[in-house]
Amino acid sequence: MDKQSAAVARAMVSPQEAAAMLHVDRTTIFRWIKDGKLSASKLSPRIVRIRVADIDALLERGAL
């Protein structure tokens, strides 16, 4: 993995990791994605990733 790929990998997290960061259930993360409260990228039918910057933005908006 080159440096750029490693940086991108660290900048995105799985729904499970996002849930742990926000102290909520993984189901809540998927609901927030569905409701448009949290942005996510679907890399394949079974792989979803969330940018850490989007999690930070959610916290800054106080949307929890």
N, C-alpha and C. Protein backbone atom coordinates (compact mmCIF):
# COMPACT_ATOMS: atom_id res chain seq x y z
N MET A 1 0.85 -1.18 0.00
CA MET A 1 0.00 0.00 0.00
C MET A 1 0.90 1.24 0.00
N ASP A 2 0.67 2.15 -0.94
CA ASP A 2 1.48 3.36 -0.99
C ASP A 2 0.99 4.38 0.04
N LYS A 3 1.72 5.47 0.18
CA LYS A 3 1.40 6.47 1.21
C LYS A 3 0.03 7.09 1.01
N GLN A 4 -0.33 7.37 -0.25
CA GLN A 4 -1.62 7.99 -0.52
C GLN A 4 -2.77 7.04 -0.16
N SER A 5 -2.64 5.79 -0.50
CA SER A 5 -3.67 4.81 -0.16
C SER A 5 -3.80 4.65 1.35
N ALA A 6 -2.69 4.66 2.04
CA ALA A 6 -2.71 4.55 3.50
C ALA A 6 -3.40 5.76 4.12
N ALA A 7 -3.16 6.94 3.59
CA ALA A 7 -3.80 8.16 4.11
C ALA A 7 -5.31 8.11 3.89
N VAL A 8 -5.72 7.65 2.72
CA VAL A 8 -7.15 7.54 2.43
C VAL A 8 -7.79 6.50 3.34
N ALA A 9 -7.11 5.38 3.55
CA ALA A 9 -7.64 4.33 4.41
C ALA A 9 -7.85 4.82 5.83
N ARG A 10 -6.95 5.63 6.32
CA ARG A 10 -7.09 6.18 7.68
C ARG A 10 -8.17 7.24 7.73
N ALA A 11 -8.45 7.90 6.62
CA ALA A 11 -9.43 8.97 6.58
C ALA A 11 -10.86 8.43 6.52
N MET A 12 -11.01 7.13 6.28
CA MET A 12 -12.34 6.52 6.20
C MET A 12 -12.43 5.37 7.18
N VAL A 13 -13.62 5.21 7.75
CA VAL A 13 -13.83 4.14 8.73
C VAL A 13 -15.09 3.36 8.38
N SER A 14 -15.19 2.18 8.92
CA SER A 14 -16.37 1.34 8.72
C SER A 14 -17.50 1.85 9.62
N PRO A 15 -18.73 1.44 9.35
CA PRO A 15 -19.83 1.81 10.24
C PRO A 15 -19.61 1.34 11.68
N GLN A 16 -19.00 0.17 11.82
CA GLN A 16 -18.69 -0.34 13.16
C GLN A 16 -17.71 0.58 13.89
N GLU A 17 -16.67 1.04 13.19
CA GLU A 17 -15.69 1.94 13.79
C GLU A 17 -16.33 3.30 14.09
N ALA A 18 -17.19 3.78 13.20
CA ALA A 18 -17.87 5.06 13.42
C ALA A 18 -18.77 4.96 14.66
N ALA A 19 -19.46 3.84 14.79
CA ALA A 19 -20.32 3.63 15.96
C ALA A 19 -19.51 3.67 17.25
N ALA A 20 -18.35 3.05 17.23
CA ALA A 20 -17.49 3.05 18.41
C ALA A 20 -16.99 4.47 18.72
N MET A 21 -16.66 5.22 17.67
CA MET A 21 -16.18 6.60 17.87
C MET A 21 -17.26 7.49 18.48
N LEU A 22 -18.52 7.25 18.10
CA LEU A 22 -19.63 8.10 18.53
C LEU A 22 -20.41 7.52 19.71
N HIS A 23 -20.00 6.34 20.16
CA HIS A 23 -20.66 5.66 21.29
C HIS A 23 -22.14 5.43 21.02
N VAL A 24 -22.44 4.95 19.81
CA VAL A 24 -23.80 4.57 19.43
C VAL A 24 -23.75 3.19 18.81
N ASP A 25 -24.92 2.63 18.56
CA ASP A 25 -25.00 1.32 17.93
C ASP A 25 -24.78 1.44 16.42
N ARG A 26 -24.30 0.40 15.81
CA ARG A 26 -24.07 0.38 14.37
C ARG A 26 -25.37 0.64 13.60
N THR A 27 -26.49 0.17 14.14
CA THR A 27 -27.80 0.42 13.51
C THR A 27 -28.09 1.91 13.44
N THR A 28 -27.70 2.65 14.45
CA THR A 28 -27.89 4.10 14.46
C THR A 28 -27.10 4.75 13.33
N ILE A 29 -25.89 4.28 13.10
CA ILE A 29 -25.07 4.81 12.01
C ILE A 29 -25.78 4.60 10.68
N PHE A 30 -26.29 3.40 10.44
CA PHE A 30 -27.00 3.13 9.19
C PHE A 30 -28.28 3.97 9.06
N ARG A 31 -28.96 4.22 10.16
CA ARG A 31 -30.16 5.07 10.14
C ARG A 31 -29.78 6.51 9.79
N TRP A 32 -28.68 7.00 10.37
CA TRP A 32 -28.23 8.36 10.08
C TRP A 32 -27.83 8.49 8.61
N ILE A 33 -27.22 7.45 8.05
CA ILE A 33 -26.85 7.46 6.63
C ILE A 33 -28.13 7.52 5.79
N LYS A 34 -29.10 6.68 6.10
CA LYS A 34 -30.36 6.63 5.37
C LYS A 34 -31.10 7.96 5.44
N ASP A 35 -31.08 8.60 6.62
CA ASP A 35 -31.78 9.87 6.83
C ASP A 35 -31.02 11.07 6.28
N GLY A 36 -29.78 10.85 5.82
CA GLY A 36 -28.98 11.95 5.29
C GLY A 36 -28.25 12.76 6.34
N LYS A 37 -28.27 12.30 7.56
CA LYS A 37 -27.59 12.99 8.66
C LYS A 37 -26.08 12.77 8.60
N LEU A 38 -25.67 11.66 8.00
CA LEU A 38 -24.26 11.29 7.90
C LEU A 38 -23.99 10.78 6.48
N SER A 39 -22.95 11.30 5.86
CA SER A 39 -22.60 10.87 4.50
C SER A 39 -21.75 9.61 4.56
N ALA A 40 -21.92 8.77 3.53
CA ALA A 40 -21.14 7.54 3.45
C ALA A 40 -20.89 7.20 1.99
N SER A 41 -19.86 6.41 1.76
CA SER A 41 -19.54 5.93 0.42
C SER A 41 -19.75 4.43 0.39
N LYS A 42 -20.49 3.97 -0.59
CA LYS A 42 -20.72 2.54 -0.75
C LYS A 42 -19.70 2.03 -1.77
N LEU A 43 -18.72 1.29 -1.30
CA LEU A 43 -17.64 0.80 -2.14
C LEU A 43 -18.03 -0.46 -2.91
N SER A 44 -18.96 -1.20 -2.36
CA SER A 44 -19.51 -2.39 -3.01
C SER A 44 -20.84 -2.66 -2.32
N PRO A 45 -21.59 -3.65 -2.77
CA PRO A 45 -22.88 -3.90 -2.12
C PRO A 45 -22.80 -4.16 -0.61
N ARG A 46 -21.66 -4.65 -0.15
CA ARG A 46 -21.53 -4.97 1.27
C ARG A 46 -20.52 -4.13 2.02
N ILE A 47 -19.85 -3.19 1.35
CA ILE A 47 -18.81 -2.39 2.00
C ILE A 47 -19.19 -0.92 1.97
N VAL A 48 -19.34 -0.35 3.17
CA VAL A 48 -19.67 1.06 3.35
C VAL A 48 -18.55 1.70 4.16
N ARG A 49 -18.13 2.88 3.77
CA ARG A 49 -17.11 3.61 4.51
C ARG A 49 -17.58 5.04 4.74
N ILE A 50 -17.17 5.58 5.88
CA ILE A 50 -17.55 6.91 6.29
C ILE A 50 -16.29 7.72 6.51
N ARG A 51 -16.27 8.92 5.94
CA ARG A 51 -15.10 9.78 6.12
C ARG A 51 -15.06 10.30 7.56
N VAL A 52 -13.88 10.28 8.15
CA VAL A 52 -13.71 10.79 9.51
C VAL A 52 -14.09 12.28 9.55
N ALA A 53 -13.82 13.00 8.47
CA ALA A 53 -14.18 14.42 8.40
C ALA A 53 -15.70 14.60 8.51
N ASP A 54 -16.48 13.67 7.95
CA ASP A 54 -17.94 13.75 8.06
C ASP A 54 -18.41 13.48 9.49
N ILE A 55 -17.71 12.60 10.18
CA ILE A 55 -18.03 12.34 11.59
C ILE A 55 -17.72 13.59 12.41
N ASP A 56 -16.58 14.21 12.15
CA ASP A 56 -16.21 15.45 12.83
C ASP A 56 -17.24 16.54 12.58
N ALA A 57 -17.71 16.66 11.33
CA ALA A 57 -18.70 17.67 10.97
C ALA A 57 -20.01 17.42 11.72
N LEU A 58 -20.39 16.15 11.85
CA LEU A 58 -21.59 15.81 12.59
C LEU A 58 -21.48 16.26 14.05
N LEU A 59 -20.32 16.05 14.63
CA LEU A 59 -20.09 16.47 16.01
C LEU A 59 -20.09 17.99 16.14
N GLU A 60 -19.49 18.68 15.17
CA GLU A 60 -19.45 20.14 15.21
C GLU A 60 -20.84 20.75 15.09
N ARG A 61 -21.71 20.12 14.28
CA ARG A 61 -23.08 20.61 14.12
C ARG A 61 -23.90 20.35 15.37
N GLY A 62 -23.40 19.47 16.23
CA GLY A 62 -24.16 19.12 17.43
C GLY A 62 -25.39 18.31 17.11
N ALA A 63 -25.30 17.54 16.03
CA ALA A 63 -26.47 16.79 15.55
C ALA A 63 -26.69 15.46 16.28
N LEU A 64 -25.98 15.23 17.34
CA LEU A 64 -26.16 13.96 18.06
C LEU A 64 -27.28 14.07 19.03
